Amino acid sequence: MESVFQALSSTVRRKILAYLSKTSLTAGEIADRFEISKPALSKHLNVLMNAGLIESDKQGQYVHYRLVKNNLFASMNDFLVNFCPEGRPLKMESAEIEAGKKSNN
């Protein structure tokens, strides 16, 4: 449980969870939304994965990250993002990305 709270203590990691709330994204797609180095982003993703909040799936040459939906803390974060003034726009953007992916298929 300590790893979950450590993961949620970072604003960047909470934003990553908000982006992953409605769709999966590659590390590159996540990196495009932040002004941090790729090694720093990789560290944030590893912290989230070690806490069991996100999982990865290799699809071709890309690794896609997504929220672990059956994780209680991830589900609570997904719910709370709706009430967070900073998180709500990120969740809406996530939904728009997912809608764009579906229309391209």
Protein backbone atom coordinates (compact mmCIF):
# COMPACT_ATOMS: atom_id res chain seq x y z
CA MET A 1 0.00 0.00 0.00
CA GLU A 2 2.95 2.32 0.67
CA SER A 3 3.99 2.08 -3.00
CA VAL A 4 0.52 3.23 -4.06
CA PHE A 5 0.62 6.31 -1.85
CA GLN A 6 4.15 7.06 -3.01
CA ALA A 7 2.97 6.80 -6.62
CA LEU A 8 0.00 9.09 -5.98
CA SER A 9 2.16 11.69 -4.19
CA SER A 10 3.48 13.05 -7.49
CA THR A 11 1.49 15.56 -9.54
CA VAL A 12 3.05 14.21 -12.74
CA ARG A 13 1.99 10.66 -11.91
CA ARG A 14 -1.55 11.76 -11.03
CA LYS A 15 -1.70 13.55 -14.40
CA ILE A 16 -0.47 10.41 -16.16
CA LEU A 17 -3.26 8.44 -14.47
CA ALA A 18 -5.78 11.04 -15.64
CA TYR A 19 -4.52 10.75 -19.22
CA LEU A 20 -4.78 6.97 -19.02
CA SER A 21 -8.28 7.08 -17.52
CA LYS A 22 -10.09 6.59 -20.83
CA THR A 23 -7.47 5.27 -23.27
CA SER A 24 -4.10 3.61 -23.51
CA LEU A 25 -1.14 5.72 -24.61
CA THR A 26 2.42 5.03 -25.67
CA ALA A 27 5.31 6.52 -23.72
CA GLY A 28 5.81 8.96 -26.61
CA GLU A 29 2.18 10.08 -26.49
CA ILE A 30 2.46 10.60 -22.75
CA ALA A 31 5.80 12.43 -23.11
CA ASP A 32 4.24 14.86 -25.60
CA ARG A 33 2.00 16.12 -22.78
CA PHE A 34 4.82 16.92 -20.34
CA GLU A 35 7.97 18.98 -20.29
CA ILE A 36 10.16 16.35 -18.64
CA SER A 37 12.98 14.17 -19.95
CA LYS A 38 12.28 10.69 -21.28
CA PRO A 39 14.30 9.08 -18.44
CA ALA A 40 12.20 11.02 -15.89
CA LEU A 41 8.99 9.90 -17.61
CA SER A 42 10.25 6.32 -17.64
CA LYS A 43 10.86 6.54 -13.89
CA HIS A 44 7.32 7.85 -13.30
CA LEU A 45 5.85 5.03 -15.42
CA ASN A 46 7.89 2.45 -13.50
CA VAL A 47 6.68 3.82 -10.15
CA LEU A 48 3.07 3.57 -11.36
CA MET A 49 3.62 0.05 -12.68
CA ASN A 50 5.34 -1.10 -9.47
CA ALA A 51 2.36 0.24 -7.51
CA GLY A 52 0.02 -1.80 -9.71
CA LEU A 53 -1.82 1.28 -10.97
CA ILE A 54 -0.92 0.89 -14.65
CA GLU A 55 0.14 -1.96 -16.90
CA SER A 56 1.92 -2.13 -20.22
CA ASP A 57 1.34 -4.09 -23.38
CA LYS A 58 3.75 -4.27 -26.31
CA GLN A 59 1.93 -3.79 -29.60
CA GLY A 60 4.35 -4.00 -32.50
CA GLN A 61 7.23 -1.65 -31.82
CA TYR A 62 5.32 0.42 -29.24
CA VAL A 63 4.56 -0.18 -25.59
CA HIS A 64 1.07 0.97 -24.63
CA TYR A 65 0.26 1.92 -21.05
CA ARG A 66 -3.20 1.72 -19.53
CA LEU A 67 -4.88 2.07 -16.18
CA VAL A 68 -5.41 -1.15 -14.24
CA LYS A 69 -9.17 -0.96 -13.97
CA ASN A 70 -9.58 -3.62 -11.27
CA ASN A 71 -7.18 -1.79 -8.92
CA LEU A 72 -9.17 -0.04 -6.20
CA PHE A 73 -6.78 2.91 -5.98
CA ALA A 74 -6.71 3.41 -9.74
CA SER A 75 -10.52 3.29 -9.79
CA MET A 76 -10.71 5.82 -6.94
CA ASN A 77 -8.25 8.09 -8.74
CA ASP A 78 -10.30 7.81 -11.94
CA PHE A 79 -13.41 8.83 -9.99
CA LEU A 80 -11.71 11.69 -8.11
CA VAL A 81 -10.24 13.17 -11.30
CA ASN A 82 -13.80 14.22 -12.17
CA PHE A 83 -13.76 16.66 -9.24
CA CYS A 84 -10.20 17.91 -9.62
CA PRO A 85 -10.00 21.20 -11.57
CA GLU A 86 -6.64 20.14 -12.96
CA GLY A 87 -7.56 16.52 -13.66
CA ARG A 88 -10.95 16.91 -15.33
CA PRO A 89 -9.58 18.51 -18.54
CA LEU A 90 -6.95 15.75 -18.78
CA LYS A 91 -9.63 13.08 -18.47
CA MET A 92 -11.70 14.84 -21.14
CA GLU A 93 -8.65 14.94 -23.41
CA SER A 94 -8.16 11.21 -22.77
CA ALA A 95 -11.74 10.54 -23.86
CA GLU A 96 -11.20 12.61 -27.02
CA ILE A 97 -8.05 10.62 -27.84
CA GLU A 98 -9.97 7.37 -27.40
CA ALA A 99 -12.80 8.62 -29.64
CA GLY A 100 -10.24 9.57 -32.29
CA LYS A 101 -8.66 6.11 -32.14
CA LYS A 102 -12.06 4.46 -32.58
CA SER A 103 -12.98 6.65 -35.56
CA ASN A 104 -9.68 5.80 -37.26
CA ASN A 105 -10.41 2.07 -37.06
